[in-house]
Amino acid sequence: MDSNSGSGATPSQQIDARIRELGDWRGDTLARVRALIKQAAPEVVEEWKWRGVPVWEHAGIICTGETYKSVVKLTFAKGASLEDPSGLFNSSLDGNTRRAIDIHEGEKINEDALKALIGAAVALNMSVKAARAPKKAKGS
């Protein structure tokens, strides 16, 4: 379903096209979580990877937004390292790294909790990036 490959479309345009292409509750849900991600992480970069998966990044992957027949799945790349006091993670709970949120038709999104989780994912990515940065700039 990667109808935009090779078209020169930007990742954001490809995500727009996916939302339109879905044309149902899944498109509406993907558009809503996308808006929440942008609110929580205004400097987010949108990518289009793995033959058609929307990806949101800030100093590393925050999450992906996969769409299936009965679910929109937000998979957080480092979800196992994030606090989830609201219990949003309801899928991929056994892995060592990722955690996911499956959103089914008609389910209400806890927007504040999702934005907090996105903020925590960005903070974790930034801390990992800072820890990997060289301690001293060369030539200073």
C-alpha atoms as a PDB file:
ATOM      1  CA  MET A   1       0.000   0.000   0.000  1.00  0.00           C
ATOM      2  CA  ASP A   2       2.981   2.292  -0.468  1.00  0.00           C
ATOM      3  CA  SER A   3       1.331   4.275  -3.241  1.00  0.00           C
ATOM      4  CA  ASN A   4       3.733   7.201  -2.961  1.00  0.00           C
ATOM      5  CA  SER A   5       7.051   5.440  -3.312  1.00  0.00           C
ATOM      6  CA  GLY A   6       9.218   7.017  -5.895  1.00  0.00           C
ATOM      7  CA  SER A   7       6.887   9.998  -6.283  1.00  0.00           C
ATOM      8  CA  GLY A   8       9.252  12.413  -4.570  1.00  0.00           C
ATOM      9  CA  ALA A   9       6.669  13.162  -1.908  1.00  0.00           C
ATOM     10  CA  THR A  10       7.973  14.219   1.487  1.00  0.00           C
ATOM     11  CA  PRO A  11       7.365  11.917   4.462  1.00  0.00           C
ATOM     12  CA  SER A  12       4.725  14.358   5.757  1.00  0.00           C
ATOM     13  CA  GLN A  13       2.947  14.275   2.380  1.00  0.00           C
ATOM     14  CA  GLN A  14       3.094  10.475   2.413  1.00  0.00           C
ATOM     15  CA  ILE A  15       1.511  10.416   5.874  1.00  0.00           C
ATOM     16  CA  ASP A  16      -1.181  12.849   4.645  1.00  0.00           C
ATOM     17  CA  ALA A  17      -1.839  10.488   1.729  1.00  0.00           C
ATOM     18  CA  ARG A  18      -2.054   7.449   4.027  1.00  0.00           C
ATOM     19  CA  ILE A  19      -4.634   9.216   6.210  1.00  0.00           C
ATOM     20  CA  ARG A  20      -6.724  10.088   3.133  1.00  0.00           C
ATOM     21  CA  GLU A  21      -6.242   6.593   1.672  1.00  0.00           C
ATOM     22  CA  LEU A  22      -7.570   4.926   4.839  1.00  0.00           C
ATOM     23  CA  GLY A  23     -10.683   7.119   4.763  1.00  0.00           C
ATOM     24  CA  ASP A  24     -12.186   5.619   7.921  1.00  0.00           C
ATOM     25  CA  TRP A  25     -11.772   5.627  11.708  1.00  0.00           C
ATOM     26  CA  ARG A  26      -8.166   4.477  11.287  1.00  0.00           C
ATOM     27  CA  GLY A  27      -7.303   7.558   9.235  1.00  0.00           C
ATOM     28  CA  ASP A  28      -9.078   9.775  11.759  1.00  0.00           C
ATOM     29  CA  THR A  29      -7.188   8.081  14.614  1.00  0.00           C
ATOM     30  CA  LEU A  30      -3.830   8.340  12.849  1.00  0.00           C
ATOM     31  CA  ALA A  31      -4.483  12.040  12.150  1.00  0.00           C
ATOM     32  CA  ARG A  32      -5.434  12.630  15.807  1.00  0.00           C
ATOM     33  CA  VAL A  33      -2.363  10.909  17.274  1.00  0.00           C
ATOM     34  CA  ARG A  34      -0.194  12.722  14.740  1.00  0.00           C
ATOM     35  CA  ALA A  35      -1.582  16.055  15.966  1.00  0.00           C
ATOM     36  CA  LEU A  36      -0.955  15.038  19.587  1.00  0.00           C
ATOM     37  CA  ILE A  37       2.629  14.030  18.773  1.00  0.00           C
ATOM     38  CA  LYS A  38       3.223  17.428  17.144  1.00  0.00           C
ATOM     39  CA  GLN A  39       1.732  19.200  20.189  1.00  0.00           C
ATOM     40  CA  ALA A  40       3.885  17.220  22.612  1.00  0.00           C
ATOM     41  CA  ALA A  41       7.060  17.430  20.515  1.00  0.00           C
ATOM     42  CA  PRO A  42       6.924  20.521  18.280  1.00  0.00           C
ATOM     43  CA  GLU A  43      10.383  19.766  16.815  1.00  0.00           C
ATOM     44  CA  VAL A  44       9.359  16.250  15.755  1.00  0.00           C
ATOM     45  CA  VAL A  45      10.561  15.017  12.367  1.00  0.00           C
ATOM     46  CA  GLU A  46       8.200  12.857  10.347  1.00  0.00           C
ATOM     47  CA  GLU A  47       9.657   9.971   8.383  1.00  0.00           C
ATOM     48  CA  TRP A  48       8.215   7.280   6.078  1.00  0.00           C
ATOM     49  CA  LYS A  49      10.031   3.973   6.561  1.00  0.00           C
ATOM     50  CA  TRP A  50       9.780   0.241   6.035  1.00  0.00           C
ATOM     51  CA  ARG A  51       7.612   0.433   2.926  1.00  0.00           C
ATOM     52  CA  GLY A  52       4.903   2.617   4.354  1.00  0.00           C
ATOM     53  CA  VAL A  53       5.128   3.174   8.102  1.00  0.00           C
ATOM     54  CA  PRO A  54       4.786   6.693   9.528  1.00  0.00           C
ATOM     55  CA  VAL A  55       7.625   7.336  11.992  1.00  0.00           C
ATOM     56  CA  TRP A  56       8.045  10.265  14.363  1.00  0.00           C
ATOM     57  CA  GLU A  57      11.575  11.135  15.480  1.00  0.00           C
ATOM     58  CA  HIS A  58      13.318  13.573  17.785  1.00  0.00           C
ATOM     59  CA  ALA A  59      16.941  12.655  18.627  1.00  0.00           C
ATOM     60  CA  GLY A  60      15.910   9.125  17.653  1.00  0.00           C
ATOM     61  CA  ILE A  61      12.644   7.316  17.006  1.00  0.00           C
ATOM     62  CA  ILE A  62       9.783   8.296  19.321  1.00  0.00           C
ATOM     63  CA  CYS A  63       7.166   5.983  17.835  1.00  0.00           C
ATOM     64  CA  THR A  64       5.689   4.491  14.689  1.00  0.00           C
ATOM     65  CA  GLY A  65       2.057   4.601  13.608  1.00  0.00           C
ATOM     66  CA  GLU A  66       1.041   1.366  11.945  1.00  0.00           C
ATOM     67  CA  THR A  67      -2.494   0.769  10.704  1.00  0.00           C
ATOM     68  CA  TYR A  68      -4.116  -2.641  10.562  1.00  0.00           C
ATOM     69  CA  LYS A  69      -7.660  -3.771   9.817  1.00  0.00           C
ATOM     70  CA  SER A  70      -8.864  -3.526  13.421  1.00  0.00           C
ATOM     71  CA  VAL A  71      -6.236  -1.406  15.173  1.00  0.00           C
ATOM     72  CA  VAL A  72      -3.987   1.630  14.946  1.00  0.00           C
ATOM     73  CA  LYS A  73      -0.744   0.660  16.683  1.00  0.00           C
ATOM     74  CA  LEU A  74       1.642   3.216  18.152  1.00  0.00           C
ATOM     75  CA  THR A  75       4.916   1.437  18.854  1.00  0.00           C
ATOM     76  CA  PHE A  76       7.364   3.306  21.068  1.00  0.00           C
ATOM     77  CA  ALA A  77      10.961   2.397  20.175  1.00  0.00           C
ATOM     78  CA  LYS A  78      12.175   2.615  23.786  1.00  0.00           C
ATOM     79  CA  GLY A  79       8.813   2.078  25.468  1.00  0.00           C
ATOM     80  CA  ALA A  80      10.092  -0.467  27.994  1.00  0.00           C
ATOM     81  CA  SER A  81      12.279   2.308  29.459  1.00  0.00           C
ATOM     82  CA  LEU A  82       9.398   4.774  29.867  1.00  0.00           C
ATOM     83  CA  GLU A  83       7.198   5.299  32.903  1.00  0.00           C
ATOM     84  CA  ASP A  84       3.552   4.670  31.960  1.00  0.00           C
ATOM     85  CA  PRO A  85       1.550   5.745  35.025  1.00  0.00           C
ATOM     86  CA  SER A  86      -1.707   5.893  33.038  1.00  0.00           C
ATOM     87  CA  GLY A  87      -1.267   2.368  31.668  1.00  0.00           C
ATOM     88  CA  LEU A  88      -1.493   3.328  28.009  1.00  0.00           C
ATOM     89  CA  PHE A  89       0.780   0.504  26.852  1.00  0.00           C
ATOM     90  CA  ASN A  90      -1.428  -2.481  26.084  1.00  0.00           C
ATOM     91  CA  SER A  91       0.588  -4.398  23.487  1.00  0.00           C
ATOM     92  CA  SER A  92       4.124  -5.747  22.973  1.00  0.00           C
ATOM     93  CA  LEU A  93       4.495  -5.864  26.750  1.00  0.00           C
ATOM     94  CA  ASP A  94       6.892  -8.820  26.870  1.00  0.00           C
ATOM     95  CA  GLY A  95       9.769  -7.341  24.875  1.00  0.00           C
ATOM     96  CA  ASN A  96      12.900  -5.822  26.341  1.00  0.00           C
ATOM     97  CA  THR A  97      12.776  -2.593  24.361  1.00  0.00           C
ATOM     98  CA  ARG A  98       9.528  -1.651  22.599  1.00  0.00           C
ATOM     99  CA  ARG A  99       6.040  -1.117  23.948  1.00  0.00           C
ATOM    100  CA  ALA A 100       2.899  -0.378  21.955  1.00  0.00           C
ATOM    101  CA  ILE A 101      -0.537   1.147  22.311  1.00  0.00           C
ATOM    102  CA  ASP A 102      -3.272  -0.549  20.298  1.00  0.00           C
ATOM    103  CA  ILE A 103      -6.175   1.811  19.598  1.00  0.00           C
ATOM    104  CA  HIS A 104      -9.382   0.138  18.450  1.00  0.00           C
ATOM    105  CA  GLU A 105     -12.367   1.714  16.734  1.00  0.00           C
ATOM    106  CA  GLY A 106     -14.428   3.814  19.131  1.00  0.00           C
ATOM    107  CA  GLU A 107     -11.768   3.943  21.863  1.00  0.00           C
ATOM    108  CA  LYS A 108     -11.114   7.350  23.405  1.00  0.00           C
ATOM    109  CA  ILE A 109      -7.474   8.406  23.528  1.00  0.00           C
ATOM    110  CA  ASN A 110      -6.201   9.708  26.872  1.00  0.00           C
ATOM    111  CA  GLU A 111      -4.646  12.725  25.172  1.00  0.00           C
ATOM    112  CA  ASP A 112      -2.843  14.164  28.208  1.00  0.00           C
ATOM    113  CA  ALA A 113      -1.303  10.797  29.071  1.00  0.00           C
ATOM    114  CA  LEU A 114      -0.249  10.213  25.451  1.00  0.00           C
ATOM    115  CA  LYS A 115       1.386  13.647  25.238  1.00  0.00           C
ATOM    116  CA  ALA A 116       3.205  12.967  28.531  1.00  0.00           C
ATOM    117  CA  LEU A 117       4.452   9.631  27.150  1.00  0.00           C
ATOM    118  CA  ILE A 118       5.662  11.335  23.960  1.00  0.00           C
ATOM    119  CA  GLY A 119       7.429  13.988  26.037  1.00  0.00           C
ATOM    120  CA  ALA A 120       9.081  11.260  28.105  1.00  0.00           C
ATOM    121  CA  ALA A 121      10.202   9.455  24.935  1.00  0.00           C
ATOM    122  CA  VAL A 122      11.783  12.666  23.600  1.00  0.00           C
ATOM    123  CA  ALA A 123      13.502  13.296  26.958  1.00  0.00           C
ATOM    124  CA  LEU A 124      14.872   9.739  26.958  1.00  0.00           C
ATOM    125  CA  ASN A 125      16.129  10.107  23.376  1.00  0.00           C
ATOM    126  CA  MET A 126      17.798  13.420  24.281  1.00  0.00           C
ATOM    127  CA  SER A 127      19.457  11.914  27.370  1.00  0.00           C
ATOM    128  CA  VAL A 128      20.778   8.952  25.370  1.00  0.00           C
ATOM    129  CA  LYS A 129      22.056  11.293  22.665  1.00  0.00           C
ATOM    130  CA  ALA A 130      23.735  13.525  25.289  1.00  0.00           C
ATOM    131  CA  ALA A 131      25.357  10.507  26.941  1.00  0.00           C
ATOM    132  CA  ARG A 132      26.837   9.464  23.575  1.00  0.00           C
ATOM    133  CA  ALA A 133      28.130  12.930  22.738  1.00  0.00           C
ATOM    134  CA  PRO A 134      31.873  13.489  23.016  1.00  0.00           C
ATOM    135  CA  LYS A 135      32.832  14.967  26.383  1.00  0.00           C
ATOM    136  CA  LYS A 136      35.077  17.640  24.855  1.00  0.00           C
ATOM    137  CA  ALA A 137      34.767  19.322  21.503  1.00  0.00           C
ATOM    138  CA  LYS A 138      37.910  18.815  19.436  1.00  0.00           C
ATOM    139  CA  GLY A 139      39.926  21.922  18.779  1.00  0.00           C
ATOM    140  CA  SER A 140      38.645  23.856  21.782  1.00  0.00           C
END
